[in-house]
N, C-alpha and C. Protein backbone atom coordinates (compact mmCIF):
# COMPACT_ATOMS: atom_id res chain seq x y z
N UNK A 1 118.09 96.88 111.07
CA UNK A 1 117.03 97.69 111.69
C UNK A 1 117.02 99.11 111.13
N UNK A 2 118.20 99.64 110.83
CA UNK A 2 118.32 101.01 110.32
C UNK A 2 117.65 101.15 108.96
N UNK A 3 117.80 100.10 108.10
CA UNK A 3 117.17 100.13 106.77
C UNK A 3 115.65 100.12 106.90
N UNK A 4 115.14 99.38 107.88
CA UNK A 4 113.69 99.34 108.11
C UNK A 4 113.18 100.72 108.51
N UNK A 5 113.95 101.40 109.37
CA UNK A 5 113.56 102.75 109.82
C UNK A 5 113.52 103.73 108.65
N UNK A 6 114.51 103.64 107.76
CA UNK A 6 114.56 104.53 106.59
C UNK A 6 113.39 104.26 105.65
N UNK A 7 113.10 102.97 105.42
CA UNK A 7 111.96 102.60 104.57
C UNK A 7 110.66 103.07 105.19
N UNK A 8 110.57 102.96 106.53
CA UNK A 8 109.36 103.37 107.22
C UNK A 8 109.12 104.87 107.06
N UNK A 9 110.18 105.67 107.14
CA UNK A 9 110.04 107.13 106.99
C UNK A 9 109.44 107.48 105.65
N UNK A 10 109.94 106.82 104.59
CA UNK A 10 109.42 107.06 103.24
C UNK A 10 107.98 106.61 103.13
N UNK A 11 107.67 105.43 103.67
CA UNK A 11 106.32 104.89 103.63
C UNK A 11 105.36 105.76 104.44
N UNK A 12 105.84 106.27 105.58
CA UNK A 12 105.03 107.10 106.47
C UNK A 12 104.53 108.35 105.76
N UNK A 13 105.43 109.06 105.07
CA UNK A 13 105.06 110.29 104.36
C UNK A 13 104.07 110.01 103.25
N UNK A 14 104.38 109.01 102.42
CA UNK A 14 103.51 108.66 101.28
C UNK A 14 102.14 108.23 101.76
N UNK A 15 102.11 107.37 102.76
CA UNK A 15 100.85 106.84 103.28
C UNK A 15 100.00 107.93 103.91
N UNK A 16 100.64 108.85 104.62
CA UNK A 16 99.92 109.92 105.30
C UNK A 16 99.27 110.86 104.28
N UNK A 17 100.02 111.25 103.26
CA UNK A 17 99.49 112.15 102.21
C UNK A 17 98.33 111.50 101.49
N UNK A 18 98.52 110.22 101.10
CA UNK A 18 97.47 109.49 100.38
C UNK A 18 96.22 109.34 101.25
N UNK A 19 96.39 109.07 102.53
CA UNK A 19 95.25 108.89 103.44
C UNK A 19 94.45 110.17 103.60
N UNK A 20 95.13 111.30 103.67
CA UNK A 20 94.44 112.60 103.80
C UNK A 20 93.63 112.87 102.53
N UNK A 21 94.24 112.63 101.35
CA UNK A 21 93.54 112.83 100.08
C UNK A 21 92.33 111.90 99.99
N UNK A 22 92.55 110.62 100.35
CA UNK A 22 91.49 109.62 100.28
C UNK A 22 90.35 109.95 101.26
N UNK A 23 90.69 110.53 102.40
CA UNK A 23 89.68 110.92 103.39
C UNK A 23 88.76 111.99 102.80
N UNK A 24 89.36 112.98 102.15
CA UNK A 24 88.58 114.07 101.52
C UNK A 24 87.70 113.51 100.40
N UNK A 25 88.28 112.66 99.55
CA UNK A 25 87.51 112.03 98.46
C UNK A 25 86.37 111.18 99.03
N UNK A 26 86.67 110.45 100.11
CA UNK A 26 85.67 109.61 100.78
C UNK A 26 84.48 110.43 101.28
N UNK A 27 84.75 111.61 101.85
CA UNK A 27 83.68 112.49 102.32
C UNK A 27 82.79 112.94 101.17
N UNK A 28 83.42 113.33 100.05
CA UNK A 28 82.65 113.75 98.88
C UNK A 28 81.81 112.61 98.31
N UNK A 29 82.42 111.39 98.27
CA UNK A 29 81.69 110.21 97.77
C UNK A 29 80.50 109.88 98.65
N UNK A 30 80.63 110.11 99.94
CA UNK A 30 79.56 109.81 100.89
C UNK A 30 78.44 110.85 100.82
N UNK A 31 78.81 112.14 100.77
CA UNK A 31 77.82 113.21 100.82
C UNK A 31 77.23 113.56 99.46
N UNK A 32 78.07 113.55 98.42
CA UNK A 32 77.62 113.87 97.06
C UNK A 32 78.06 112.76 96.10
N UNK A 33 77.46 111.57 96.20
CA UNK A 33 77.94 110.43 95.41
C UNK A 33 77.87 110.62 93.90
N UNK A 34 76.73 111.13 93.40
CA UNK A 34 76.57 111.27 91.95
C UNK A 34 77.48 112.35 91.39
N UNK A 35 77.54 113.50 92.07
CA UNK A 35 78.38 114.61 91.61
C UNK A 35 79.85 114.21 91.61
N UNK A 36 80.27 113.58 92.71
CA UNK A 36 81.67 113.14 92.83
C UNK A 36 82.00 112.08 91.80
N UNK A 37 81.06 111.16 91.59
CA UNK A 37 81.26 110.09 90.61
C UNK A 37 81.43 110.66 89.20
N UNK A 38 80.59 111.63 88.86
CA UNK A 38 80.70 112.28 87.55
C UNK A 38 82.02 113.03 87.40
N UNK A 39 82.41 113.72 88.49
CA UNK A 39 83.68 114.49 88.46
C UNK A 39 84.86 113.55 88.27
N UNK A 40 84.90 112.44 89.03
CA UNK A 40 85.98 111.45 88.91
C UNK A 40 86.00 110.86 87.51
N UNK A 41 84.82 110.57 86.97
CA UNK A 41 84.72 109.99 85.63
C UNK A 41 85.27 110.94 84.57
N UNK A 42 84.86 112.21 84.64
CA UNK A 42 85.31 113.19 83.64
C UNK A 42 86.81 113.46 83.75
N UNK A 43 87.30 113.56 84.98
CA UNK A 43 88.74 113.80 85.18
C UNK A 43 89.56 112.61 84.68
N UNK A 44 89.13 111.39 85.09
CA UNK A 44 89.83 110.17 84.66
C UNK A 44 89.76 110.01 83.14
N UNK A 45 88.56 110.24 82.60
CA UNK A 45 88.37 110.13 81.14
C UNK A 45 89.24 111.11 80.37
N UNK A 46 89.28 112.34 80.85
CA UNK A 46 90.09 113.38 80.19
C UNK A 46 91.57 113.03 80.22
N UNK A 47 92.05 112.57 81.39
CA UNK A 47 93.46 112.19 81.52
C UNK A 47 93.82 111.04 80.58
N UNK A 48 92.91 110.04 80.48
CA UNK A 48 93.16 108.89 79.60
C UNK A 48 93.15 109.30 78.13
N UNK A 49 92.23 110.21 77.77
CA UNK A 49 92.15 110.69 76.38
C UNK A 49 93.43 111.44 76.00
N UNK A 50 93.87 112.32 76.91
CA UNK A 50 95.12 113.08 76.66
C UNK A 50 96.31 112.13 76.59
N UNK A 51 96.36 111.18 77.53
CA UNK A 51 97.45 110.20 77.55
C UNK A 51 97.45 109.35 76.28
N UNK A 52 96.25 109.06 75.76
CA UNK A 52 96.15 108.24 74.57
C UNK A 52 96.40 108.99 73.28
N UNK A 53 95.97 110.24 73.24
CA UNK A 53 96.05 110.99 71.98
C UNK A 53 97.47 111.43 71.64
N UNK A 54 98.31 111.61 72.66
CA UNK A 54 99.70 112.06 72.41
C UNK A 54 100.48 111.04 71.58
N UNK A 55 100.53 109.74 71.98
CA UNK A 55 101.25 108.77 71.13
C UNK A 55 100.60 108.56 69.76
N UNK A 56 99.25 108.76 69.69
CA UNK A 56 98.57 108.62 68.40
C UNK A 56 99.01 109.73 67.44
N UNK A 57 99.07 110.97 67.97
CA UNK A 57 99.53 112.11 67.15
C UNK A 57 100.98 111.92 66.74
N UNK A 58 101.81 111.46 67.69
CA UNK A 58 103.23 111.21 67.38
C UNK A 58 103.37 110.16 66.29
N UNK A 59 102.52 109.14 66.34
CA UNK A 59 102.56 108.07 65.35
C UNK A 59 102.16 108.58 63.97
N UNK A 60 101.09 109.38 63.93
CA UNK A 60 100.60 109.92 62.65
C UNK A 60 101.60 110.90 62.04
N UNK A 61 102.21 111.73 62.91
CA UNK A 61 103.16 112.74 62.41
C UNK A 61 104.50 112.15 61.97
N UNK A 62 104.80 110.93 62.46
CA UNK A 62 106.05 110.27 62.08
C UNK A 62 105.82 109.45 60.80
N UNK A 63 106.18 110.03 59.67
CA UNK A 63 105.93 109.39 58.37
C UNK A 63 106.84 108.18 58.13
N UNK A 64 107.98 108.17 58.79
CA UNK A 64 108.93 107.07 58.58
C UNK A 64 108.51 105.79 59.28
N UNK A 65 107.68 105.92 60.31
CA UNK A 65 107.28 104.74 61.08
C UNK A 65 105.77 104.52 60.98
N UNK A 66 105.37 103.46 60.34
CA UNK A 66 103.95 103.13 60.22
C UNK A 66 103.68 101.70 60.72
N UNK A 67 104.38 101.34 61.79
CA UNK A 67 104.19 100.02 62.39
C UNK A 67 103.02 100.09 63.38
N UNK A 68 101.87 99.54 62.97
CA UNK A 68 100.66 99.63 63.79
C UNK A 68 100.72 98.73 65.03
N UNK A 69 101.73 97.89 65.08
CA UNK A 69 101.90 97.02 66.26
C UNK A 69 102.84 97.63 67.29
N UNK A 70 103.24 98.89 67.05
CA UNK A 70 104.13 99.59 68.01
C UNK A 70 103.38 99.75 69.34
N UNK A 71 104.05 99.40 70.43
CA UNK A 71 103.41 99.34 71.75
C UNK A 71 102.81 100.68 72.18
N UNK A 72 103.55 101.78 71.99
CA UNK A 72 103.05 103.09 72.42
C UNK A 72 101.77 103.47 71.68
N UNK A 73 101.69 103.10 70.38
CA UNK A 73 100.50 103.39 69.58
C UNK A 73 99.31 102.56 70.07
N UNK A 74 99.53 101.27 70.34
CA UNK A 74 98.47 100.38 70.81
C UNK A 74 97.93 100.85 72.17
N UNK A 75 98.86 101.17 73.08
CA UNK A 75 98.46 101.66 74.42
C UNK A 75 97.69 102.97 74.29
N UNK A 76 98.15 103.85 73.39
CA UNK A 76 97.49 105.13 73.15
C UNK A 76 96.05 104.97 72.66
N UNK A 77 95.86 104.05 71.72
CA UNK A 77 94.51 103.79 71.17
C UNK A 77 93.58 103.26 72.26
N UNK A 78 94.07 102.28 73.05
CA UNK A 78 93.25 101.70 74.13
C UNK A 78 92.93 102.74 75.20
N UNK A 79 93.92 103.56 75.56
CA UNK A 79 93.70 104.61 76.57
C UNK A 79 92.67 105.63 76.07
N UNK A 80 92.76 105.99 74.79
CA UNK A 80 91.83 106.96 74.19
C UNK A 80 90.41 106.41 74.20
N UNK A 81 90.24 105.17 73.76
CA UNK A 81 88.91 104.53 73.73
C UNK A 81 88.35 104.37 75.14
N UNK A 82 89.20 103.92 76.05
CA UNK A 82 88.79 103.72 77.44
C UNK A 82 88.36 105.04 78.08
N UNK A 83 89.08 106.12 77.77
CA UNK A 83 88.75 107.45 78.29
C UNK A 83 87.39 107.92 77.81
N UNK A 84 87.07 107.69 76.54
CA UNK A 84 85.76 108.08 75.98
C UNK A 84 84.64 107.26 76.63
N UNK A 85 84.88 105.96 76.82
CA UNK A 85 83.87 105.08 77.45
C UNK A 85 83.55 105.58 78.86
N UNK A 86 84.58 105.94 79.62
CA UNK A 86 84.39 106.42 81.00
C UNK A 86 83.62 107.73 81.02
N UNK A 87 83.94 108.65 80.08
CA UNK A 87 83.27 109.95 80.06
C UNK A 87 81.81 109.82 79.64
N UNK A 88 81.52 108.90 78.71
CA UNK A 88 80.15 108.71 78.24
C UNK A 88 79.30 107.90 79.22
N UNK A 89 79.96 107.06 80.01
CA UNK A 89 79.24 106.21 80.96
C UNK A 89 79.91 106.28 82.34
N UNK A 90 79.61 107.33 83.12
CA UNK A 90 80.24 107.51 84.45
C UNK A 90 80.05 106.32 85.39
N UNK A 91 78.92 105.60 85.23
CA UNK A 91 78.64 104.47 86.12
C UNK A 91 79.62 103.31 85.90
N UNK A 92 80.26 103.33 84.72
CA UNK A 92 81.21 102.27 84.40
C UNK A 92 82.38 102.26 85.38
N UNK A 93 82.76 103.47 85.80
CA UNK A 93 83.93 103.58 86.69
C UNK A 93 83.61 103.05 88.09
N UNK A 94 82.29 102.99 88.43
CA UNK A 94 81.91 102.47 89.75
C UNK A 94 82.34 101.02 89.91
N UNK A 95 82.31 100.28 88.79
CA UNK A 95 82.70 98.87 88.85
C UNK A 95 84.20 98.69 88.96
N UNK A 96 84.97 99.76 88.64
CA UNK A 96 86.43 99.68 88.67
C UNK A 96 86.99 100.20 90.00
N UNK A 97 86.39 101.27 90.53
CA UNK A 97 86.90 101.91 91.75
C UNK A 97 87.03 100.93 92.92
N UNK A 98 86.00 100.09 93.21
CA UNK A 98 86.15 99.16 94.35
C UNK A 98 87.37 98.25 94.21
N UNK A 99 87.61 97.79 92.97
CA UNK A 99 88.74 96.90 92.72
C UNK A 99 90.07 97.63 92.95
N UNK A 100 90.18 98.85 92.41
CA UNK A 100 91.42 99.63 92.54
C UNK A 100 91.69 99.97 94.01
N UNK A 101 90.65 100.52 94.69
CA UNK A 101 90.80 100.89 96.10
C UNK A 101 91.06 99.65 96.96
N UNK A 102 90.35 98.54 96.63
CA UNK A 102 90.53 97.29 97.37
C UNK A 102 91.94 96.74 97.25
N UNK A 103 92.47 96.76 96.02
CA UNK A 103 93.85 96.30 95.79
C UNK A 103 94.84 97.17 96.58
N UNK A 104 94.61 98.50 96.54
CA UNK A 104 95.50 99.41 97.28
C UNK A 104 95.46 99.10 98.77
N UNK A 105 94.26 98.87 99.31
CA UNK A 105 94.13 98.57 100.73
C UNK A 105 94.86 97.28 101.10
N UNK A 106 94.73 96.27 100.25
CA UNK A 106 95.39 94.99 100.52
C UNK A 106 96.91 95.14 100.49
N UNK A 107 97.42 95.82 99.46
CA UNK A 107 98.88 96.04 99.34
C UNK A 107 99.39 96.83 100.55
N UNK A 108 98.65 97.91 100.89
CA UNK A 108 99.05 98.75 102.02
C UNK A 108 98.95 97.98 103.33
N UNK A 109 97.87 97.19 103.47
CA UNK A 109 97.69 96.40 104.68
C UNK A 109 98.78 95.37 104.88
N UNK A 110 99.15 94.68 103.79
CA UNK A 110 100.22 93.67 103.85
C UNK A 110 101.55 94.33 104.19
N UNK A 111 101.83 95.49 103.55
CA UNK A 111 103.08 96.22 103.81
C UNK A 111 103.17 96.63 105.28
N UNK A 112 102.08 97.23 105.78
CA UNK A 112 102.06 97.68 107.18
C UNK A 112 102.16 96.49 108.13
N UNK A 113 101.53 95.37 107.76
CA UNK A 113 101.57 94.18 108.60
C UNK A 113 103.00 93.64 108.72
N UNK A 114 103.73 93.68 107.61
CA UNK A 114 105.14 93.25 107.63
C UNK A 114 105.97 94.11 108.56
N UNK A 115 105.80 95.45 108.46
CA UNK A 115 106.52 96.38 109.33
C UNK A 115 106.13 96.15 110.79
N UNK A 116 104.81 95.97 111.02
CA UNK A 116 104.32 95.78 112.39
C UNK A 116 104.89 94.51 113.01
N UNK A 117 104.90 93.41 112.25
CA UNK A 117 105.44 92.15 112.76
C UNK A 117 106.93 92.24 113.03
N UNK A 118 107.64 93.00 112.18
CA UNK A 118 109.08 93.21 112.38
C UNK A 118 109.33 94.03 113.65
N UNK A 119 108.56 95.12 113.79
CA UNK A 119 108.72 95.99 114.96
C UNK A 119 108.25 95.30 116.24
N UNK A 120 107.31 94.36 116.10
CA UNK A 120 106.77 93.65 117.26
C UNK A 120 107.83 92.81 117.96
N UNK A 121 108.89 92.46 117.22
CA UNK A 121 109.99 91.70 117.81
C UNK A 121 110.79 92.56 118.79
N UNK A 122 110.80 93.88 118.52
CA UNK A 122 111.55 94.82 119.36
C UNK A 122 110.67 95.45 120.44
N UNK A 123 109.39 95.71 120.07
CA UNK A 123 108.47 96.37 121.00
C UNK A 123 107.05 95.93 120.66
N UNK A 124 106.10 96.19 121.57
CA UNK A 124 104.72 95.77 121.36
C UNK A 124 104.06 96.59 120.26
N UNK A 125 103.71 95.93 119.14
CA UNK A 125 103.05 96.60 118.01
C UNK A 125 101.72 95.92 117.69
N UNK A 126 101.05 95.42 118.73
CA UNK A 126 99.80 94.66 118.54
C UNK A 126 98.69 95.52 117.93
N UNK A 127 98.63 96.81 118.32
CA UNK A 127 97.61 97.72 117.78
C UNK A 127 97.78 97.86 116.27
N UNK A 128 99.02 98.05 115.82
CA UNK A 128 99.31 98.18 114.39
C UNK A 128 98.98 96.90 113.63
N UNK A 129 99.24 95.75 114.25
CA UNK A 129 98.92 94.46 113.62
C UNK A 129 97.42 94.32 113.42
N UNK A 130 96.63 94.69 114.44
CA UNK A 130 95.17 94.60 114.35
C UNK A 130 94.64 95.53 113.27
N UNK A 131 95.14 96.78 113.23
CA UNK A 131 94.70 97.75 112.23
C UNK A 131 95.05 97.27 110.82
N UNK A 132 96.23 96.70 110.65
CA UNK A 132 96.65 96.16 109.35
C UNK A 132 95.69 95.07 108.87
N UNK A 133 95.29 94.20 109.79
CA UNK A 133 94.35 93.11 109.46
C UNK A 133 92.97 93.66 109.09
N UNK A 134 92.53 94.71 109.79
CA UNK A 134 91.23 95.34 109.48
C UNK A 134 91.28 95.96 108.08
N UNK A 135 92.39 96.63 107.75
CA UNK A 135 92.56 97.23 106.42
C UNK A 135 92.53 96.14 105.34
N UNK A 136 93.17 95.02 105.62
CA UNK A 136 93.16 93.88 104.68
C UNK A 136 91.74 93.38 104.43
N UNK A 137 90.96 93.24 105.51
CA UNK A 137 89.58 92.77 105.40
C UNK A 137 88.74 93.76 104.58
N UNK A 138 88.91 95.06 104.84
CA UNK A 138 88.19 96.10 104.08
C UNK A 138 88.52 96.00 102.59
N UNK A 139 89.78 95.79 102.28
CA UNK A 139 90.21 95.64 100.88
C UNK A 139 89.56 94.45 100.21
N UNK A 140 89.51 93.32 100.91
CA UNK A 140 88.89 92.10 100.37
C UNK A 140 87.39 92.29 100.14
N UNK A 141 86.73 92.96 101.08
CA UNK A 141 85.28 93.22 100.94
C UNK A 141 85.01 94.07 99.71
N UNK A 142 85.82 95.10 99.49
CA UNK A 142 85.63 95.98 98.33
C UNK A 142 85.86 95.23 97.02
N UNK A 143 86.85 94.36 96.98
CA UNK A 143 87.15 93.61 95.75
C UNK A 143 86.00 92.66 95.40
N UNK A 144 85.48 91.94 96.40
CA UNK A 144 84.38 91.01 96.14
C UNK A 144 83.05 91.73 95.95
N UNK A 145 82.96 92.99 96.43
CA UNK A 145 81.87 93.91 96.09
C UNK A 145 80.46 93.29 96.21
N UNK A 146 79.97 93.11 97.44
CA UNK A 146 78.64 92.53 97.62
C UNK A 146 77.50 93.56 97.57
N UNK A 147 77.83 94.79 97.16
CA UNK A 147 76.84 95.87 97.21
C UNK A 147 76.22 96.10 95.83
N UNK A 148 74.95 96.47 95.83
CA UNK A 148 74.25 96.71 94.56
C UNK A 148 73.86 98.17 94.42
N UNK A 149 73.71 98.64 93.17
CA UNK A 149 73.31 100.02 92.91
C UNK A 149 74.49 100.95 92.87
N UNK A 150 74.55 101.79 91.85
CA UNK A 150 75.70 102.67 91.63
C UNK A 150 75.88 103.68 92.76
N UNK A 151 74.76 104.33 93.16
CA UNK A 151 74.84 105.36 94.19
C UNK A 151 75.21 104.74 95.54
N UNK A 152 74.55 103.61 95.88
CA UNK A 152 74.85 102.92 97.14
C UNK A 152 76.30 102.47 97.18
N UNK A 153 76.77 101.89 96.07
CA UNK A 153 78.15 101.42 96.00
C UNK A 153 79.13 102.57 96.16
N UNK A 154 78.80 103.72 95.53
CA UNK A 154 79.66 104.91 95.64
C UNK A 154 79.75 105.37 97.08
N UNK A 155 78.62 105.37 97.79
CA UNK A 155 78.61 105.78 99.19
C UNK A 155 79.37 104.79 100.07
N UNK A 156 79.22 103.50 99.76
CA UNK A 156 79.96 102.46 100.50
C UNK A 156 81.46 102.65 100.30
N UNK A 157 81.87 102.94 99.05
CA UNK A 157 83.29 103.21 98.76
C UNK A 157 83.77 104.40 99.59
N UNK A 158 82.91 105.44 99.66
CA UNK A 158 83.25 106.62 100.47
C UNK A 158 83.45 106.28 101.93
N UNK A 159 82.54 105.45 102.48
CA UNK A 159 82.64 105.02 103.89
C UNK A 159 83.92 104.23 104.12
N UNK A 160 84.20 103.28 103.21
CA UNK A 160 85.41 102.47 103.33
C UNK A 160 86.66 103.33 103.19
N UNK A 161 86.61 104.32 102.30
CA UNK A 161 87.76 105.22 102.11
C UNK A 161 88.04 106.02 103.38
N UNK A 162 86.96 106.50 104.02
CA UNK A 162 87.10 107.25 105.28
C UNK A 162 87.65 106.36 106.39
N UNK A 163 87.05 105.15 106.53
CA UNK A 163 87.52 104.20 107.55
C UNK A 163 88.98 103.87 107.35
N UNK A 164 89.33 103.56 106.08
CA UNK A 164 90.73 103.23 105.76
C UNK A 164 91.66 104.38 106.12
N UNK A 165 91.27 105.60 105.73
CA UNK A 165 92.12 106.78 105.96
C UNK A 165 92.38 106.99 107.45
N UNK A 166 91.30 106.91 108.24
CA UNK A 166 91.43 107.11 109.69
C UNK A 166 92.32 106.02 110.29
N UNK A 167 92.05 104.75 109.92
CA UNK A 167 92.86 103.63 110.43
C UNK A 167 94.32 103.77 110.03
N UNK A 168 94.54 104.18 108.77
CA UNK A 168 95.91 104.30 108.27
C UNK A 168 96.68 105.41 108.98
N UNK A 169 96.00 106.54 109.22
CA UNK A 169 96.65 107.65 109.94
C UNK A 169 96.99 107.24 111.37
N UNK A 170 96.03 106.53 112.03
CA UNK A 170 96.28 106.03 113.40
C UNK A 170 97.46 105.07 113.40
N UNK A 171 97.47 104.17 112.39
CA UNK A 171 98.55 103.18 112.33
C UNK A 171 99.90 103.83 112.05
N UNK A 172 99.90 104.83 111.18
CA UNK A 172 101.15 105.56 110.90
C UNK A 172 101.71 106.18 112.17
N UNK A 173 100.81 106.80 112.95
CA UNK A 173 101.22 107.42 114.21
C UNK A 173 101.73 106.36 115.19
N UNK A 174 101.00 105.22 115.27
CA UNK A 174 101.38 104.14 116.19
C UNK A 174 102.74 103.55 115.82
N UNK A 175 102.93 103.30 114.53
CA UNK A 175 104.21 102.74 114.07
C UNK A 175 105.36 103.72 114.30
N UNK A 176 105.08 105.00 114.04
CA UNK A 176 106.11 106.03 114.26
C UNK A 176 106.52 106.08 115.73
N UNK A 177 105.51 105.98 116.61
CA UNK A 177 105.76 105.99 118.06
C UNK A 177 106.58 104.76 118.46
N UNK A 178 106.24 103.60 117.88
CA UNK A 178 106.96 102.35 118.19
C UNK A 178 108.42 102.44 117.74
N UNK A 179 108.63 103.00 116.53
CA UNK A 179 109.99 103.16 116.01
C UNK A 179 110.81 104.08 116.92
N UNK A 180 110.19 105.16 117.40
CA UNK A 180 110.88 106.09 118.30
C UNK A 180 111.26 105.41 119.62
N UNK A 181 110.33 104.58 120.13
CA UNK A 181 110.59 103.85 121.39
C UNK A 181 111.75 102.88 121.22
N UNK A 182 111.77 102.18 120.08
CA UNK A 182 112.86 101.23 119.81
C UNK A 182 114.19 101.98 119.67
N UNK A 183 114.13 103.13 118.98
CA UNK A 183 115.34 103.94 118.79
C UNK A 183 115.87 104.44 120.13
N UNK A 184 114.94 104.91 120.98
CA UNK A 184 115.32 105.40 122.31
C UNK A 184 115.90 104.27 123.15
N UNK A 185 115.27 103.11 123.08
CA UNK A 185 115.72 101.94 123.83
C UNK A 185 117.12 101.50 123.41
N UNK A 186 117.36 101.54 122.09
CA UNK A 186 118.68 101.13 121.58
C UNK A 186 119.76 102.13 122.00
N UNK A 187 119.39 103.43 122.09
CA UNK A 187 120.34 104.45 122.55
C UNK A 187 120.67 104.26 124.03
N UNK A 188 119.62 103.95 124.81
CA UNK A 188 119.82 103.73 126.25
C UNK A 188 120.72 102.51 126.49
N UNK A 189 120.49 101.45 125.71
CA UNK A 189 121.32 100.24 125.82
C UNK A 189 122.77 100.55 125.48
N UNK A 190 122.94 101.42 124.47
CA UNK A 190 124.30 101.79 124.06
C UNK A 190 125.01 102.56 125.17
N UNK A 191 124.25 103.45 125.85
CA UNK A 191 124.82 104.24 126.94
C UNK A 191 125.23 103.33 128.10
N UNK A 192 124.39 102.33 128.40
CA UNK A 192 124.69 101.39 129.49
C UNK A 192 125.96 100.62 129.18
N UNK A 193 126.06 100.15 127.93
CA UNK A 193 127.24 99.39 127.50
C UNK A 193 128.50 100.24 127.62
N UNK A 194 128.39 101.53 127.19
CA UNK A 194 129.53 102.44 127.27
C UNK A 194 129.93 102.70 128.72
N UNK A 195 128.91 102.84 129.61
CA UNK A 195 129.19 103.09 131.03
C UNK A 195 129.88 101.88 131.67
N UNK A 196 129.40 100.70 131.36
CA UNK A 196 130.01 99.47 131.87
C UNK A 196 131.46 99.35 131.37
N UNK A 197 131.65 99.71 130.11
CA UNK A 197 133.00 99.64 129.51
C UNK A 197 133.95 100.59 130.21
N UNK A 198 133.45 101.82 130.54
CA UNK A 198 134.28 102.81 131.21
C UNK A 198 134.66 102.32 132.62
N UNK A 199 133.73 101.65 133.32
CA UNK A 199 134.00 101.18 134.68
C UNK A 199 135.03 100.06 134.69
N UNK A 200 135.08 99.29 133.63
CA UNK A 200 136.01 98.14 133.59
C UNK A 200 137.39 98.53 133.08
N UNK A 201 137.54 99.79 132.68
CA UNK A 201 138.88 100.22 132.17
C UNK A 201 139.88 100.38 133.32
């Protein structure tokens, strides 16, 4: 149980920070879909170009090594090309974002569901279980992507990002509260056992 609590603390911090960031991004995607989409595309494209160009420069500057099948060189070329494609065609990233966000929601939902089911054995964690299942469904909907139009899809992603963030923050708080209750309960049980032991001495 102690290892689960330690893992939960780490997951709680990471999940909370990511949810706050995703909430802000979701608001921008909802209110300014085209501007936000262009900004995400240019930032992502720039990062990929920089990530790709470094191994390419290293490969060119290294006269002793001209193996074109070297993994870092191949990855660099693909990252560079992919970065240019994204910057030239911002709408291209719209087809990728639902899949990435959907996968993240599913992974996060499954992880939270595992913790919730484990904690449910010690205390009632039904709220966390329900929220985990909702997050899973949201992730699946985004992956299968039944929405049409770049702007509409961007706004839908924003709505889902906001919903996910709010649900995730609520679930983090709920799980944290459940863990505290279990911890308090285990301390109380320990005190009772110690008191009984003292009386029998």
